[in-house]
Amino acid sequence: MITIDEIARLAQVSKSTVSKALNDRHDVSPSTKQRILDIAKEHNFTPNIFGKSLKSKVTRNIGVIFTREKLPLSNNTFFSRILEGIEAELAINNYNLVLNIIPENSEKELPRMIRERHVDGIILIGIFSDSFVDKLLEYKIHVVQVDPKDDRSEFSQVFIDNEHGAYLATQHLIDAGHEKIAFVSGELSRLSFKQRLDGYIKTLKHNGIPVDEKLIMAYGLEEGYNQVKTLLQNGKPTAIFSAHDINALHGCKAVYDMKLRIPDDISIVGFDDIWLSAVATPPLTTVRVYKEELGSIGVRTLLQTISGKTTRPINTVVPVKLIERQSVRKLDASKQQ
């Protein structure tokens, strides 16, 4: 691609004159401006928006950093939907998306787009180490975290209403006659899973049901198969609340491999409402998370900060909804024995 230096040589003018012409300045004669524009068009010249931003201090670019954990973004039906919400909101506001995908626990240095100030702000999606987040603080860049691993008061954050969602799931099972309800999730070091466990425990206590530690299994995002198999072999619950749909679907396979049926022998409720939940056999009752809205709110919050409309971190909690399908059976009191 042709450079400004080459355009200046072909047009027999200075680089500053080329820059003025490309930026439609009035202190360049119409004939010179047209000659420069014709040369630029002939050679498919595209202005460097990053270079322009160094002078304007505004890039109209928003960076999104995603840690892909074990699944690539294309297979992550939760975070890819959040990204769709981000893209749509940025387009509405005439901003560009700059995406950076990094493996979990490999954030040795900040991405180039931050170090070289190529973006006006950052949206974080996924799990990030404390050291990585601390580095962002040093750069004094506007940041919004979506579904964060930890509650960081320094940044604006967009949360899922995890505790209420867990209440909806657990109460639904209790209303269906279940008392021996197991809880399955990923590691509790992640804020969302800890909040879902809290909601599960509070709902049991509110209904006068003792909390059985043997029915709580929280380790590994994709360990639902082994968790459910162990529960069915030992704890023998009548129902399982899985704090993640992927866990729930792995658990469904364990049920079938043990020659049991859902919901006849065991009821299961998930959390997230990924698209696979609706096509599972049977379709999975779950808690719907409005994933696109998480991304959209993240963008709107970030743009408020960038524009100076707010100077303090904003925390937003996005509501959830119970989606009833066919994976829960209503029990008689005798089934609890």
Protein backbone atom coordinates (compact mmCIF):
# COMPACT_ATOMS: atom_id res chain seq x y z
CA MET A 1 0.00 0.00 0.00
CA ILE A 2 1.23 3.49 -0.84
CA THR A 3 2.48 5.73 1.99
CA ILE A 4 2.09 9.47 2.63
CA ASP A 5 5.78 9.89 1.71
CA GLU A 6 5.19 8.31 -1.70
CA ILE A 7 2.04 10.37 -2.30
CA ALA A 8 4.03 13.53 -1.50
CA ARG A 9 6.76 12.52 -3.97
CA LEU A 10 4.27 11.75 -6.76
CA ALA A 11 2.31 14.95 -6.16
CA GLN A 12 5.53 16.96 -5.74
CA VAL A 13 4.37 18.50 -2.46
CA SER A 14 5.38 18.20 1.19
CA LYS A 15 4.09 15.53 3.57
CA SER A 16 2.25 18.17 5.57
CA THR A 17 0.39 19.27 2.44
CA VAL A 18 -0.64 15.66 1.78
CA SER A 19 -1.87 15.37 5.37
CA LYS A 20 -3.86 18.59 5.07
CA ALA A 21 -5.44 17.47 1.80
CA LEU A 22 -6.41 14.04 3.16
CA ASN A 23 -7.97 15.71 6.21
CA ASP A 24 -9.89 18.18 3.99
CA ARG A 25 -8.14 21.26 5.35
CA HIS A 26 -8.97 24.59 3.68
CA ASP A 27 -5.40 25.88 3.51
CA VAL A 28 -4.60 23.73 0.44
CA SER A 29 -5.53 24.90 -3.06
CA PRO A 30 -8.39 22.97 -4.68
CA SER A 31 -6.21 21.81 -7.61
CA THR A 32 -3.44 20.50 -5.31
CA LYS A 33 -5.97 18.81 -3.03
CA GLN A 34 -7.65 17.08 -5.98
CA ARG A 35 -4.28 15.91 -7.37
CA ILE A 36 -3.39 14.37 -4.01
CA LEU A 37 -6.80 12.73 -3.64
CA ASP A 38 -6.58 11.28 -7.16
CA ILE A 39 -3.17 9.74 -6.41
CA ALA A 40 -4.44 8.34 -3.09
CA LYS A 41 -7.48 6.81 -4.81
CA GLU A 42 -5.44 5.38 -7.67
CA HIS A 43 -3.13 3.58 -5.23
CA ASN A 44 -5.89 2.49 -2.77
CA PHE A 45 -4.49 4.56 0.07
CA THR A 46 -6.19 3.99 3.46
CA PRO A 47 -5.43 6.45 6.29
CA ASN A 48 -3.91 4.93 9.42
CA ILE A 49 -6.62 5.47 12.03
CA PHE A 50 -4.18 4.60 14.80
CA GLY A 51 -1.76 7.25 13.60
CA LYS A 52 -4.53 9.84 13.45
CA SER A 53 -5.54 8.97 16.99
CA LEU A 54 -2.15 9.97 18.36
CA LYS A 55 -3.00 13.60 17.56
CA SER A 56 -6.71 13.56 18.30
CA LYS A 57 -6.36 11.45 21.49
CA VAL A 58 -9.64 9.80 20.44
CA THR A 59 -9.54 6.58 18.41
CA ARG A 60 -13.24 5.58 18.40
CA ASN A 61 -11.92 2.08 19.00
CA ILE A 62 -13.01 -0.11 21.92
CA GLY A 63 -10.83 -3.03 22.89
CA VAL A 64 -12.36 -6.32 24.02
CA ILE A 65 -10.05 -8.78 25.76
CA PHE A 66 -11.36 -12.33 26.08
CA THR A 67 -9.69 -15.19 27.95
CA ARG A 68 -10.77 -18.34 26.20
CA GLU A 69 -10.13 -20.83 29.04
CA LYS A 70 -10.38 -24.36 27.56
CA LEU A 71 -12.88 -23.54 24.82
CA PRO A 72 -12.12 -21.37 21.78
CA LEU A 73 -14.45 -18.41 21.38
CA SER A 74 -16.25 -20.06 18.45
CA ASN A 75 -17.30 -22.96 20.74
CA ASN A 76 -18.11 -20.83 23.77
CA THR A 77 -21.84 -20.29 23.40
CA PHE A 78 -21.97 -18.03 26.46
CA PHE A 79 -19.20 -15.50 25.78
CA SER A 80 -19.72 -15.44 22.00
CA ARG A 81 -23.26 -14.16 22.62
CA ILE A 82 -21.91 -11.45 24.94
CA LEU A 83 -19.56 -10.44 22.12
CA GLU A 84 -22.52 -10.18 19.74
CA GLY A 85 -24.13 -7.69 22.12
CA ILE A 86 -20.91 -5.69 22.27
CA GLU A 87 -20.56 -5.59 18.49
CA ALA A 88 -24.14 -4.43 17.98
CA GLU A 89 -23.92 -1.65 20.59
CA LEU A 90 -20.57 -0.42 19.23
CA ALA A 91 -22.01 -0.26 15.70
CA ILE A 92 -24.96 1.81 16.92
CA ASN A 93 -22.55 4.26 18.55
CA ASN A 94 -20.16 4.37 15.56
CA TYR A 95 -17.25 2.73 17.39
CA ASN A 96 -14.87 0.06 16.12
CA LEU A 97 -14.17 -3.25 17.86
CA VAL A 98 -10.59 -4.37 18.46
CA LEU A 99 -10.64 -7.97 19.75
CA ASN A 100 -7.80 -9.67 21.57
CA ILE A 101 -8.12 -13.34 22.59
CA ILE A 102 -5.62 -14.71 25.07
CA PRO A 103 -5.34 -18.09 26.81
CA GLU A 104 -6.24 -18.11 30.49
CA ASN A 105 -3.29 -17.51 32.86
CA SER A 106 -0.98 -16.38 30.03
CA GLU A 107 -1.42 -12.59 30.41
CA LYS A 108 2.27 -11.81 30.83
CA GLU A 109 1.95 -8.31 29.41
CA LEU A 110 -0.81 -6.01 28.29
CA PRO A 111 -1.89 -6.24 24.64
CA ARG A 112 -0.30 -3.80 22.21
CA MET A 113 -3.58 -1.97 21.69
CA ILE A 114 -3.37 -0.82 25.32
CA ARG A 115 0.36 -0.17 25.49
CA GLU A 116 0.23 1.99 22.35
CA ARG A 117 -3.08 3.69 23.19
CA HIS A 118 -4.93 2.37 20.15
CA VAL A 119 -8.24 2.14 22.03
CA ASP A 120 -10.34 4.55 24.10
CA GLY A 121 -11.39 1.89 26.60
CA ILE A 122 -11.41 -1.83 27.37
CA ILE A 123 -14.07 -4.44 28.07
CA LEU A 124 -12.83 -7.55 29.88
CA ILE A 125 -14.63 -10.87 29.38
CA GLY A 126 -13.53 -14.03 31.16
CA ILE A 127 -11.05 -14.82 33.93
CA PHE A 128 -8.02 -12.59 34.43
CA SER A 129 -5.21 -12.79 36.96
CA ASP A 130 -4.94 -10.10 39.61
CA SER A 131 -1.55 -9.06 38.21
CA PHE A 132 -3.05 -8.45 34.76
CA VAL A 133 -5.85 -6.31 36.18
CA ASP A 134 -3.36 -4.40 38.32
CA LYS A 135 -1.34 -3.57 35.19
CA LEU A 136 -4.47 -2.05 33.63
CA LEU A 137 -4.78 0.24 36.62
CA GLU A 138 -1.27 1.55 35.97
CA TYR A 139 -2.24 2.58 32.43
CA LYS A 140 -5.22 4.58 33.72
CA ILE A 141 -7.41 3.33 30.87
CA HIS A 142 -11.21 3.14 31.09
CA VAL A 143 -12.24 -0.46 31.88
CA VAL A 144 -15.52 -2.36 32.26
CA GLN A 145 -15.60 -5.98 33.42
CA VAL A 146 -18.44 -8.22 32.26
CA ASP A 147 -19.31 -11.17 34.55
CA PRO A 148 -16.04 -10.69 36.46
CA LYS A 149 -14.21 -13.42 38.36
CA ASP A 150 -13.78 -11.10 41.34
CA ASP A 151 -15.54 -7.96 42.50
CA ARG A 152 -13.07 -5.14 41.73
CA SER A 153 -14.28 -1.78 43.01
CA GLU A 154 -11.79 0.13 40.83
CA PHE A 155 -13.71 -0.63 37.60
CA SER A 156 -17.27 -0.51 36.38
CA GLN A 157 -18.73 -4.01 36.32
CA VAL A 158 -21.71 -5.78 34.78
CA PHE A 159 -22.97 -8.66 36.92
CA ILE A 160 -25.46 -11.46 36.41
CA ASP A 161 -28.08 -11.71 39.17
CA ASN A 162 -26.54 -15.04 40.17
CA GLU A 163 -27.98 -15.36 43.65
CA HIS A 164 -31.54 -14.69 42.56
CA GLY A 165 -31.11 -17.06 39.62
CA ALA A 166 -30.00 -19.80 42.01
CA TYR A 167 -33.05 -19.06 44.15
CA LEU A 168 -35.34 -19.45 41.13
CA ALA A 169 -33.74 -22.79 40.19
CA THR A 170 -33.68 -24.23 43.71
CA GLN A 171 -37.17 -23.02 44.62
CA HIS A 172 -38.54 -24.52 41.40
CA LEU A 173 -37.21 -27.91 42.46
CA ILE A 174 -38.55 -27.50 45.99
CA ASP A 175 -41.97 -26.52 44.63
CA ALA A 176 -41.87 -29.75 42.59
CA GLY A 177 -41.49 -31.73 45.83
CA HIS A 178 -37.71 -32.19 45.91
CA GLU A 179 -35.71 -31.87 49.12
CA LYS A 180 -32.59 -33.92 48.36
CA ILE A 181 -31.21 -31.38 45.89
CA ALA A 182 -27.54 -31.53 44.88
CA PHE A 183 -25.47 -28.55 43.73
CA VAL A 184 -22.87 -28.94 40.96
CA SER A 185 -20.62 -26.19 39.62
CA GLY A 186 -17.17 -25.09 38.55
CA GLU A 187 -14.62 -23.89 41.07
CA LEU A 188 -15.94 -21.50 43.70
CA SER A 189 -13.00 -19.14 43.22
CA ARG A 190 -15.14 -17.70 40.44
CA LEU A 191 -17.56 -15.10 41.80
CA SER A 192 -20.56 -16.22 39.73
CA PHE A 193 -20.38 -19.82 40.98
CA LYS A 194 -19.89 -18.71 44.58
CA GLN A 195 -22.96 -16.47 44.34
CA ARG A 196 -25.01 -19.32 42.84
CA LEU A 197 -23.97 -21.59 45.71
CA ASP A 198 -24.98 -18.87 48.18
CA GLY A 199 -28.39 -18.61 46.52
CA TYR A 200 -28.85 -22.40 46.63
CA ILE A 201 -27.94 -22.59 50.35
CA LYS A 202 -30.13 -19.63 51.33
CA THR A 203 -33.11 -21.10 49.48
CA LEU A 204 -32.75 -24.47 51.20
CA LYS A 205 -32.53 -22.79 54.62
CA HIS A 206 -35.49 -20.53 53.85
CA ASN A 207 -37.55 -23.66 53.19
CA GLY A 208 -36.31 -25.45 56.31
CA ILE A 209 -34.27 -28.00 54.36
CA PRO A 210 -30.90 -28.98 55.94
CA VAL A 211 -27.80 -28.32 53.82
CA ASP A 212 -26.01 -31.62 53.11
CA GLU A 213 -22.34 -30.96 52.27
CA LYS A 214 -22.16 -34.38 50.54
CA LEU A 215 -24.58 -33.04 47.93
CA ILE A 216 -22.36 -30.08 47.02
CA MET A 217 -19.70 -30.61 44.34
CA ALA A 218 -17.79 -27.63 42.99
CA TYR A 219 -14.72 -28.34 40.91
CA GLY A 220 -13.90 -28.09 37.20
CA LEU A 221 -16.11 -26.37 34.64
CA GLU A 222 -16.54 -29.54 32.55
CA GLU A 223 -16.52 -32.10 35.35
CA GLY A 224 -20.30 -32.42 35.42
CA TYR A 225 -20.13 -36.04 34.22
CA ASN A 226 -17.97 -37.25 37.11
CA GLN A 227 -19.72 -35.03 39.65
CA VAL A 228 -23.18 -36.35 38.77
CA LYS A 229 -21.97 -39.95 38.58
CA THR A 230 -20.46 -39.67 42.06
CA LEU A 231 -23.62 -38.09 43.44
CA LEU A 232 -25.86 -40.80 42.02
CA GLN A 233 -23.58 -43.52 43.37
CA ASN A 234 -23.30 -42.02 46.87
CA GLY A 235 -25.63 -39.15 47.79
CA LYS A 236 -28.60 -40.30 45.68
CA PRO A 237 -30.34 -36.92 45.30
CA THR A 238 -33.69 -36.69 43.56
CA ALA A 239 -32.67 -33.48 41.80
CA ILE A 240 -29.54 -31.59 40.75
CA PHE A 241 -29.08 -27.86 40.34
CA SER A 242 -26.10 -27.34 38.05
CA ALA A 243 -24.70 -23.81 38.14
CA HIS A 244 -23.67 -24.01 34.48
CA ASP A 245 -25.49 -25.54 31.50
CA ILE A 246 -22.35 -27.28 30.23
CA ASN A 247 -22.03 -29.02 33.61
CA ALA A 248 -25.69 -29.94 33.42
CA LEU A 249 -25.40 -31.44 29.93
CA HIS A 250 -22.33 -33.47 30.92
CA GLY A 251 -24.33 -34.60 33.93
CA CYS A 252 -27.19 -35.71 31.70
CA LYS A 253 -24.82 -38.05 29.88
CA ALA A 254 -23.74 -39.55 33.21
CA VAL A 255 -27.40 -40.20 34.06
CA TYR A 256 -27.99 -42.01 30.78
CA ASP A 257 -24.75 -44.00 31.06
CA MET A 258 -26.01 -45.27 34.43
CA LYS A 259 -29.20 -46.49 32.72
CA LEU A 260 -31.32 -43.86 34.43
CA ARG A 261 -33.80 -41.43 32.94
CA ILE A 262 -34.42 -37.69 33.13
CA PRO A 263 -36.71 -36.58 34.73
CA ASP A 264 -38.21 -39.94 35.78
CA ASP A 265 -35.24 -40.93 37.97
CA ILE A 266 -33.47 -37.61 38.47
CA SER A 267 -34.45 -33.98 37.78
CA ILE A 268 -31.88 -31.47 36.53
CA VAL A 269 -31.89 -27.67 36.31
CA GLY A 270 -29.09 -25.66 34.66
CA PHE A 271 -27.99 -22.04 34.51
CA ASP A 272 -27.22 -19.77 31.49
CA ASP A 273 -29.70 -21.06 28.87
CA ILE A 274 -27.18 -21.72 26.11
CA TRP A 275 -28.80 -22.85 22.86
CA LEU A 276 -27.85 -26.51 23.44
CA SER A 277 -30.15 -26.57 26.48
CA ALA A 278 -33.26 -26.20 24.33
CA VAL A 279 -32.32 -29.14 22.07
CA ALA A 280 -31.13 -31.51 24.81
CA THR A 281 -33.08 -34.72 25.50
CA PRO A 282 -35.22 -33.81 27.31
CA PRO A 283 -34.98 -30.03 26.89
CA LEU A 284 -33.26 -28.59 29.95
CA THR A 285 -35.00 -26.39 32.49
CA THR A 286 -32.54 -23.59 33.17
CA VAL A 287 -32.02 -20.00 34.27
CA ARG A 288 -31.79 -17.64 31.31
CA VAL A 289 -28.96 -15.12 31.30
CA TYR A 290 -29.47 -12.27 28.85
CA LYS A 291 -26.00 -12.54 27.34
CA GLU A 292 -26.32 -9.96 24.55
CA GLU A 293 -27.65 -7.48 27.09
CA LEU A 294 -24.57 -8.04 29.27
CA GLY A 295 -22.40 -6.98 26.34
CA SER A 296 -24.61 -4.07 25.37
CA ILE A 297 -24.69 -2.69 28.92
CA GLY A 298 -20.92 -3.11 29.12
CA VAL A 299 -20.48 -0.86 26.07
CA ARG A 300 -22.97 1.76 27.25
CA THR A 301 -21.30 1.89 30.66
CA LEU A 302 -17.85 2.26 29.10
CA LEU A 303 -18.97 5.05 26.75
CA GLN A 304 -20.50 6.93 29.69
CA THR A 305 -17.11 6.83 31.40
CA ILE A 306 -15.18 7.82 28.27
CA SER A 307 -17.48 10.79 27.64
CA GLY A 308 -17.07 12.00 31.22
CA LYS A 309 -20.78 11.62 32.01
CA THR A 310 -19.77 9.59 35.04
CA THR A 311 -16.56 9.71 37.05
CA ARG A 312 -17.25 6.82 39.43
CA PRO A 313 -17.38 3.07 38.74
CA ILE A 314 -20.88 1.82 37.88
CA ASN A 315 -22.07 -1.63 38.93
CA THR A 316 -25.03 -3.04 37.01
CA VAL A 317 -26.88 -6.27 37.89
CA VAL A 318 -28.71 -7.86 34.94
CA PRO A 319 -31.91 -9.79 35.83
CA VAL A 320 -32.39 -13.47 34.98
CA LYS A 321 -35.42 -15.65 34.25
CA LEU A 322 -36.35 -19.27 34.93
CA ILE A 323 -37.09 -21.18 31.71
CA GLU A 324 -39.22 -24.25 32.43
CA ARG A 325 -38.76 -27.18 30.07
CA GLN A 326 -39.01 -30.95 30.56
CA SER A 327 -36.07 -31.93 32.80
CA VAL A 328 -37.90 -31.58 36.15
CA ARG A 329 -40.42 -34.06 37.54
CA LYS A 330 -42.99 -33.26 40.22
CA LEU A 331 -42.55 -35.70 43.11
CA ASP A 332 -44.91 -37.26 45.59
CA ALA A 333 -43.84 -36.99 49.22
CA SER A 334 -43.09 -40.72 49.17
CA LYS A 335 -40.37 -40.18 46.56
CA GLN A 336 -38.25 -38.34 49.12
CA GLN A 337 -37.83 -41.46 51.24
